[in-house]
All heavy atoms as atom14 arrays in JSON, in Angstrom:
{
  "sequence": "TDATPVGCKSVRTGIPVRRSITRPLEPQAARRA",
  "atom14_mask": [
    [1, 1, 1, 1, 1, 1, 1, 0, 0, 0, 0, 0, 0, 0],
    [1, 1, 1, 1, 1, 1, 1, 1, 0, 0, 0, 0, 0, 0],
    [1, 1, 1, 1, 1, 0, 0, 0, 0, 0, 0, 0, 0, 0],
    [1, 1, 1, 1, 1, 1, 1, 0, 0, 0, 0, 0, 0, 0],
    [1, 1, 1, 1, 1, 1, 1, 0, 0, 0, 0, 0, 0, 0],
    [1, 1, 1, 1, 1, 1, 1, 0, 0, 0, 0, 0, 0, 0],
    [1, 1, 1, 1, 0, 0, 0, 0, 0, 0, 0, 0, 0, 0],
    [1, 1, 1, 1, 1, 1, 0, 0, 0, 0, 0, 0, 0, 0],
    [1, 1, 1, 1, 1, 1, 1, 1, 1, 0, 0, 0, 0, 0],
    [1, 1, 1, 1, 1, 1, 0, 0, 0, 0, 0, 0, 0, 0],
    [1, 1, 1, 1, 1, 1, 1, 0, 0, 0, 0, 0, 0, 0],
    [1, 1, 1, 1, 1, 1, 1, 1, 1, 1, 1, 0, 0, 0],
    [1, 1, 1, 1, 1, 1, 1, 0, 0, 0, 0, 0, 0, 0],
    [1, 1, 1, 1, 0, 0, 0, 0, 0, 0, 0, 0, 0, 0],
    [1, 1, 1, 1, 1, 1, 1, 1, 0, 0, 0, 0, 0, 0],
    [1, 1, 1, 1, 1, 1, 1, 0, 0, 0, 0, 0, 0, 0],
    [1, 1, 1, 1, 1, 1, 1, 0, 0, 0, 0, 0, 0, 0],
    [1, 1, 1, 1, 1, 1, 1, 1, 1, 1, 1, 0, 0, 0],
    [1, 1, 1, 1, 1, 1, 1, 1, 1, 1, 1, 0, 0, 0],
    [1, 1, 1, 1, 1, 1, 0, 0, 0, 0, 0, 0, 0, 0],
    [1, 1, 1, 1, 1, 1, 1, 1, 0, 0, 0, 0, 0, 0],
    [1, 1, 1, 1, 1, 1, 1, 0, 0, 0, 0, 0, 0, 0],
    [1, 1, 1, 1, 1, 1, 1, 1, 1, 1, 1, 0, 0, 0],
    [1, 1, 1, 1, 1, 1, 1, 0, 0, 0, 0, 0, 0, 0],
    [1, 1, 1, 1, 1, 1, 1, 1, 0, 0, 0, 0, 0, 0],
    [1, 1, 1, 1, 1, 1, 1, 1, 1, 0, 0, 0, 0, 0],
    [1, 1, 1, 1, 1, 1, 1, 0, 0, 0, 0, 0, 0, 0],
    [1, 1, 1, 1, 1, 1, 1, 1, 1, 0, 0, 0, 0, 0],
    [1, 1, 1, 1, 1, 0, 0, 0, 0, 0, 0, 0, 0, 0],
    [1, 1, 1, 1, 1, 0, 0, 0, 0, 0, 0, 0, 0, 0],
    [1, 1, 1, 1, 1, 1, 1, 1, 1, 1, 1, 0, 0, 0],
    [1, 1, 1, 1, 1, 1, 1, 1, 1, 1, 1, 0, 0, 0],
    [1, 1, 1, 1, 1, 0, 0, 0, 0, 0, 0, 0, 0, 0]
  ],
  "atom14_positions": [
    [[-44.19, 130.91, 286.37], [-44.17, 129.97, 287.49], [-44.16, 130.61, 288.84], [-44.89, 130.21, 289.78], [-43.12, 129.03, 287.28], [-43.0, 128.29, 285.98], [-43.16, 127.82, 288.3], [0.0, 0.0, 0.0], [0.0, 0.0, 0.0], [0.0, 0.0, 0.0], [0.0, 0.0, 0.0], [0.0, 0.0, 0.0], [0.0, 0.0, 0.0], [0.0, 0.0, 0.0]],
    [[-43.15, 131.66, 288.83], [-42.97, 132.17, 290.21], [-43.56, 133.71, 290.29], [-43.2, 134.28, 291.2], [-41.5, 132.17, 290.58], [-41.28, 132.46, 292.0], [-42.02, 131.89, 292.93], [-40.33, 133.25, 292.36], [0.0, 0.0, 0.0], [0.0, 0.0, 0.0], [0.0, 0.0, 0.0], [0.0, 0.0, 0.0], [0.0, 0.0, 0.0], [0.0, 0.0, 0.0]],
    [[-44.31, 134.14, 289.29], [-44.71, 135.44, 289.31], [-45.91, 135.76, 290.29], [-46.77, 134.99, 290.56], [-45.27, 135.84, 287.91], [0.0, 0.0, 0.0], [0.0, 0.0, 0.0], [0.0, 0.0, 0.0], [0.0, 0.0, 0.0], [0.0, 0.0, 0.0], [0.0, 0.0, 0.0], [0.0, 0.0, 0.0], [0.0, 0.0, 0.0], [0.0, 0.0, 0.0]],
    [[-45.77, 136.89, 290.88], [-46.73, 137.29, 292.02], [-48.03, 137.77, 291.3], [-47.95, 138.5, 290.34], [-46.26, 138.61, 292.8], [-45.03, 138.15, 293.32], [-47.31, 138.91, 293.91], [0.0, 0.0, 0.0], [0.0, 0.0, 0.0], [0.0, 0.0, 0.0], [0.0, 0.0, 0.0], [0.0, 0.0, 0.0], [0.0, 0.0, 0.0], [0.0, 0.0, 0.0]],
    [[-49.21, 137.27, 291.63], [-50.37, 137.7, 290.91], [-50.57, 139.18, 290.81], [-50.26, 139.99, 291.71], [-51.51, 137.06, 291.86], [-50.82, 135.87, 292.44], [-49.42, 136.27, 292.74], [0.0, 0.0, 0.0], [0.0, 0.0, 0.0], [0.0, 0.0, 0.0], [0.0, 0.0, 0.0], [0.0, 0.0, 0.0], [0.0, 0.0, 0.0], [0.0, 0.0, 0.0]],
    [[-51.1, 139.59, 289.61], [-51.22, 141.03, 289.34], [-52.82, 141.14, 289.19], [-53.38, 141.01, 288.14], [-50.58, 141.5, 288.1], [-50.75, 142.89, 287.84], [-49.09, 141.04, 288.11], [0.0, 0.0, 0.0], [0.0, 0.0, 0.0], [0.0, 0.0, 0.0], [0.0, 0.0, 0.0], [0.0, 0.0, 0.0], [0.0, 0.0, 0.0], [0.0, 0.0, 0.0]],
    [[-53.53, 141.7, 290.26], [-55.0, 141.82, 290.24], [-55.67, 140.49, 290.33], [-55.02, 139.43, 290.48], [0.0, 0.0, 0.0], [0.0, 0.0, 0.0], [0.0, 0.0, 0.0], [0.0, 0.0, 0.0], [0.0, 0.0, 0.0], [0.0, 0.0, 0.0], [0.0, 0.0, 0.0], [0.0, 0.0, 0.0], [0.0, 0.0, 0.0], [0.0, 0.0, 0.0]],
    [[-56.94, 140.49, 290.18], [-57.81, 139.33, 290.3], [-58.02, 138.66, 289.02], [-58.63, 137.5, 289.05], [-59.09, 139.71, 290.89], [-60.05, 140.87, 289.9], [0.0, 0.0, 0.0], [0.0, 0.0, 0.0], [0.0, 0.0, 0.0], [0.0, 0.0, 0.0], [0.0, 0.0, 0.0], [0.0, 0.0, 0.0], [0.0, 0.0, 0.0], [0.0, 0.0, 0.0]],
    [[-57.32, 138.98, 287.99], [-57.52, 138.36, 286.67], [-56.38, 137.42, 286.28], [-56.18, 137.06, 285.14], [-57.85, 139.47, 285.6], [-58.99, 140.35, 285.76], [-59.2, 141.42, 284.92], [-58.25, 142.53, 285.17], [-58.43, 143.67, 284.35], [0.0, 0.0, 0.0], [0.0, 0.0, 0.0], [0.0, 0.0, 0.0], [0.0, 0.0, 0.0], [0.0, 0.0, 0.0]],
    [[-55.59, 137.14, 287.23], [-54.31, 136.36, 287.01], [-54.56, 134.92, 286.78], [-55.34, 134.22, 287.58], [-53.35, 136.57, 288.14], [-52.97, 138.05, 288.21], [0.0, 0.0, 0.0], [0.0, 0.0, 0.0], [0.0, 0.0, 0.0], [0.0, 0.0, 0.0], [0.0, 0.0, 0.0], [0.0, 0.0, 0.0], [0.0, 0.0, 0.0], [0.0, 0.0, 0.0]],
    [[-53.94, 134.32, 285.76], [-54.01, 132.85, 285.49], [-52.54, 132.4, 285.39], [-51.78, 132.95, 284.6], [-54.74, 132.48, 284.24], [-54.88, 131.05, 284.06], [-56.22, 133.05, 284.36], [0.0, 0.0, 0.0], [0.0, 0.0, 0.0], [0.0, 0.0, 0.0], [0.0, 0.0, 0.0], [0.0, 0.0, 0.0], [0.0, 0.0, 0.0], [0.0, 0.0, 0.0]],
    [[-52.1, 131.32, 286.03], [-50.71, 130.83, 286.01], [-50.61, 129.95, 284.86], [-51.16, 128.79, 284.86], [-50.36, 130.17, 287.31], [-48.82, 130.16, 287.51], [-48.51, 129.74, 288.93], [-48.99, 130.81, 289.88], [-48.35, 131.85, 290.2], [-47.17, 132.19, 289.64], [-48.88, 132.65, 291.2], [0.0, 0.0, 0.0], [0.0, 0.0, 0.0], [0.0, 0.0, 0.0]],
    [[-49.92, 130.18, 283.83], [-49.76, 129.39, 282.54], [-48.26, 129.04, 282.46], [-48.05, 128.01, 281.82], [-49.98, 130.46, 281.38], [-49.12, 131.46, 281.25], [-51.52, 130.8, 281.37], [0.0, 0.0, 0.0], [0.0, 0.0, 0.0], [0.0, 0.0, 0.0], [0.0, 0.0, 0.0], [0.0, 0.0, 0.0], [0.0, 0.0, 0.0], [0.0, 0.0, 0.0]],
    [[-47.27, 129.72, 283.08], [-45.99, 129.39, 282.65], [-45.5, 130.3, 281.52], [-46.3, 130.98, 280.9], [0.0, 0.0, 0.0], [0.0, 0.0, 0.0], [0.0, 0.0, 0.0], [0.0, 0.0, 0.0], [0.0, 0.0, 0.0], [0.0, 0.0, 0.0], [0.0, 0.0, 0.0], [0.0, 0.0, 0.0], [0.0, 0.0, 0.0], [0.0, 0.0, 0.0]],
    [[-44.21, 130.2, 281.22], [-43.63, 131.1, 280.14], [-43.27, 130.31, 278.95], [-42.5, 129.32, 279.0], [-42.37, 131.78, 280.54], [-42.65, 132.48, 281.93], [-41.86, 132.7, 279.6], [-41.43, 132.85, 282.72], [0.0, 0.0, 0.0], [0.0, 0.0, 0.0], [0.0, 0.0, 0.0], [0.0, 0.0, 0.0], [0.0, 0.0, 0.0], [0.0, 0.0, 0.0]],
    [[-43.95, 130.56, 277.7], [-43.66, 129.7, 276.62], [-42.3, 129.9, 275.92], [-41.83, 131.06, 276.09], [-44.82, 130.15, 275.66], [-44.99, 131.56, 276.04], [-44.76, 131.66, 277.53], [0.0, 0.0, 0.0], [0.0, 0.0, 0.0], [0.0, 0.0, 0.0], [0.0, 0.0, 0.0], [0.0, 0.0, 0.0], [0.0, 0.0, 0.0], [0.0, 0.0, 0.0]],
    [[-41.65, 128.87, 275.43], [-40.47, 129.04, 274.76], [-40.63, 128.51, 273.29], [-41.48, 127.7, 273.08], [-39.21, 128.23, 275.28], [-39.06, 128.89, 276.78], [-39.58, 126.7, 275.46], [0.0, 0.0, 0.0], [0.0, 0.0, 0.0], [0.0, 0.0, 0.0], [0.0, 0.0, 0.0], [0.0, 0.0, 0.0], [0.0, 0.0, 0.0], [0.0, 0.0, 0.0]],
    [[-39.79, 129.04, 272.39], [-39.93, 128.52, 270.96], [-39.61, 127.09, 270.87], [-38.67, 126.53, 271.59], [-39.02, 129.4, 270.13], [-39.4, 130.87, 270.05], [-38.2, 131.76, 269.49], [-37.22, 131.75, 270.44], [-35.97, 132.23, 270.11], [-35.63, 132.39, 268.92], [-34.97, 132.22, 271.19], [0.0, 0.0, 0.0], [0.0, 0.0, 0.0], [0.0, 0.0, 0.0]],
    [[-40.31, 126.46, 269.85], [-40.05, 125.08, 269.79], [-38.59, 124.51, 269.37], [-38.18, 123.54, 269.79], [-41.11, 124.37, 268.84], [-41.42, 122.95, 268.86], [-42.55, 122.4, 268.13], [-43.83, 122.95, 268.51], [-44.37, 122.44, 269.57], [-43.88, 121.55, 270.41], [-45.67, 122.94, 269.86], [0.0, 0.0, 0.0], [0.0, 0.0, 0.0], [0.0, 0.0, 0.0]],
    [[-38.0, 125.45, 268.64], [-36.57, 125.17, 268.23], [-35.69, 125.04, 269.51], [-34.69, 124.25, 269.45], [-36.11, 126.3, 267.37], [-35.99, 127.55, 268.08], [0.0, 0.0, 0.0], [0.0, 0.0, 0.0], [0.0, 0.0, 0.0], [0.0, 0.0, 0.0], [0.0, 0.0, 0.0], [0.0, 0.0, 0.0], [0.0, 0.0, 0.0], [0.0, 0.0, 0.0]],
    [[-35.94, 125.74, 270.65], [-35.2, 125.56, 271.77], [-35.15, 124.26, 272.31], [-34.12, 123.79, 272.83], [-35.62, 126.61, 272.83], [-35.6, 128.0, 272.45], [-34.94, 126.36, 274.16], [-34.31, 128.59, 272.29], [0.0, 0.0, 0.0], [0.0, 0.0, 0.0], [0.0, 0.0, 0.0], [0.0, 0.0, 0.0], [0.0, 0.0, 0.0], [0.0, 0.0, 0.0]],
    [[-36.13, 123.45, 272.17], [-36.25, 122.23, 272.79], [-36.02, 120.9, 271.87], [-36.1, 119.92, 272.27], [-37.64, 122.02, 273.52], [-38.64, 122.08, 272.41], [-37.87, 123.09, 274.56], [0.0, 0.0, 0.0], [0.0, 0.0, 0.0], [0.0, 0.0, 0.0], [0.0, 0.0, 0.0], [0.0, 0.0, 0.0], [0.0, 0.0, 0.0], [0.0, 0.0, 0.0]],
    [[-35.6, 121.22, 270.6], [-35.24, 120.19, 269.73], [-34.08, 119.4, 270.19], [-33.11, 120.04, 270.61], [-35.12, 120.63, 268.27], [-33.97, 121.41, 268.01], [-33.92, 121.72, 266.53], [-32.69, 122.52, 266.24], [-32.52, 123.76, 266.06], [-33.46, 124.49, 266.48], [-31.35, 124.37, 265.69], [0.0, 0.0, 0.0], [0.0, 0.0, 0.0], [0.0, 0.0, 0.0]],
    [[-34.09, 118.03, 270.14], [-32.88, 117.17, 270.58], [-31.6, 117.57, 269.73], [-31.69, 117.52, 268.6], [-33.33, 115.84, 270.48], [-34.9, 115.89, 270.34], [-35.22, 117.13, 269.64], [0.0, 0.0, 0.0], [0.0, 0.0, 0.0], [0.0, 0.0, 0.0], [0.0, 0.0, 0.0], [0.0, 0.0, 0.0], [0.0, 0.0, 0.0], [0.0, 0.0, 0.0]],
    [[-30.45, 117.88, 270.34], [-29.29, 117.89, 269.73], [-28.21, 117.36, 270.57], [-28.14, 117.47, 271.72], [-29.12, 119.45, 269.59], [-29.91, 120.33, 268.69], [-29.65, 121.82, 268.95], [-29.64, 120.09, 267.19], [0.0, 0.0, 0.0], [0.0, 0.0, 0.0], [0.0, 0.0, 0.0], [0.0, 0.0, 0.0], [0.0, 0.0, 0.0], [0.0, 0.0, 0.0]],
    [[-27.31, 116.67, 269.84], [-26.13, 116.04, 270.51], [-25.14, 117.12, 270.92], [-24.86, 118.01, 270.05], [-25.57, 115.11, 269.56], [-26.27, 113.8, 269.49], [-26.44, 112.92, 270.68], [-25.5, 113.03, 271.54], [-27.47, 112.29, 270.93], [0.0, 0.0, 0.0], [0.0, 0.0, 0.0], [0.0, 0.0, 0.0], [0.0, 0.0, 0.0], [0.0, 0.0, 0.0]],
    [[-24.49, 117.09, 272.09], [-23.62, 118.13, 272.48], [-22.46, 118.39, 271.59], [-21.99, 119.43, 271.12], [-23.2, 117.71, 273.85], [-24.25, 116.9, 274.41], [-24.78, 116.15, 273.19], [0.0, 0.0, 0.0], [0.0, 0.0, 0.0], [0.0, 0.0, 0.0], [0.0, 0.0, 0.0], [0.0, 0.0, 0.0], [0.0, 0.0, 0.0], [0.0, 0.0, 0.0]],
    [[-21.88, 117.18, 271.07], [-20.71, 117.27, 270.18], [-21.15, 117.95, 268.74], [-20.38, 118.83, 268.28], [-20.17, 115.85, 269.86], [-19.34, 115.3, 271.17], [-20.42, 114.65, 272.12], [-21.54, 114.57, 271.9], [-19.83, 114.19, 273.22], [0.0, 0.0, 0.0], [0.0, 0.0, 0.0], [0.0, 0.0, 0.0], [0.0, 0.0, 0.0], [0.0, 0.0, 0.0]],
    [[-22.34, 117.47, 268.35], [-22.7, 118.21, 267.1], [-23.05, 119.78, 267.18], [-22.56, 120.5, 266.29], [-24.01, 117.48, 266.67], [0.0, 0.0, 0.0], [0.0, 0.0, 0.0], [0.0, 0.0, 0.0], [0.0, 0.0, 0.0], [0.0, 0.0, 0.0], [0.0, 0.0, 0.0], [0.0, 0.0, 0.0], [0.0, 0.0, 0.0], [0.0, 0.0, 0.0]],
    [[-23.59, 120.05, 268.38], [-23.8, 121.51, 268.58], [-22.47, 122.2, 268.66], [-22.4, 123.36, 268.19], [-24.64, 121.54, 269.86], [0.0, 0.0, 0.0], [0.0, 0.0, 0.0], [0.0, 0.0, 0.0], [0.0, 0.0, 0.0], [0.0, 0.0, 0.0], [0.0, 0.0, 0.0], [0.0, 0.0, 0.0], [0.0, 0.0, 0.0], [0.0, 0.0, 0.0]],
    [[-21.52, 121.68, 269.32], [-20.2, 122.3, 269.46], [-19.55, 122.51, 268.15], [-18.97, 123.56, 267.94], [-19.31, 121.55, 270.52], [-19.94, 121.7, 271.93], [-19.14, 120.65, 272.83], [-19.74, 120.43, 274.1], [-19.74, 119.37, 274.86], [-18.87, 118.37, 274.62], [-20.3, 119.37, 276.05], [0.0, 0.0, 0.0], [0.0, 0.0, 0.0], [0.0, 0.0, 0.0]],
    [[-19.62, 121.59, 267.36], [-19.02, 121.66, 266.02], [-19.68, 122.79, 265.26], [-19.06, 123.58, 264.54], [-19.16, 120.36, 265.21], [-18.24, 119.26, 265.67], [-18.33, 118.08, 264.64], [-17.6, 116.86, 265.31], [-18.15, 115.88, 265.95], [-19.54, 115.9, 266.0], [-17.5, 114.92, 266.34], [0.0, 0.0, 0.0], [0.0, 0.0, 0.0], [0.0, 0.0, 0.0]],
    [[-21.05, 122.87, 265.3], [-21.87, 123.84, 264.57], [-21.43, 125.22, 265.08], [-21.55, 126.26, 264.38], [-23.29, 123.63, 264.88], [0.0, 0.0, 0.0], [0.0, 0.0, 0.0], [0.0, 0.0, 0.0], [0.0, 0.0, 0.0], [0.0, 0.0, 0.0], [0.0, 0.0, 0.0], [0.0, 0.0, 0.0], [0.0, 0.0, 0.0], [0.0, 0.0, 0.0]]
  ]
}
């Protein structure tokens, strides 16, 4: 998102994260785990 272009071949895509990171989890259940 905030990277400075590197040469003329730059395309802004963002940084991908693994799908498991974004799965919905209740805070209390996560703390117990």
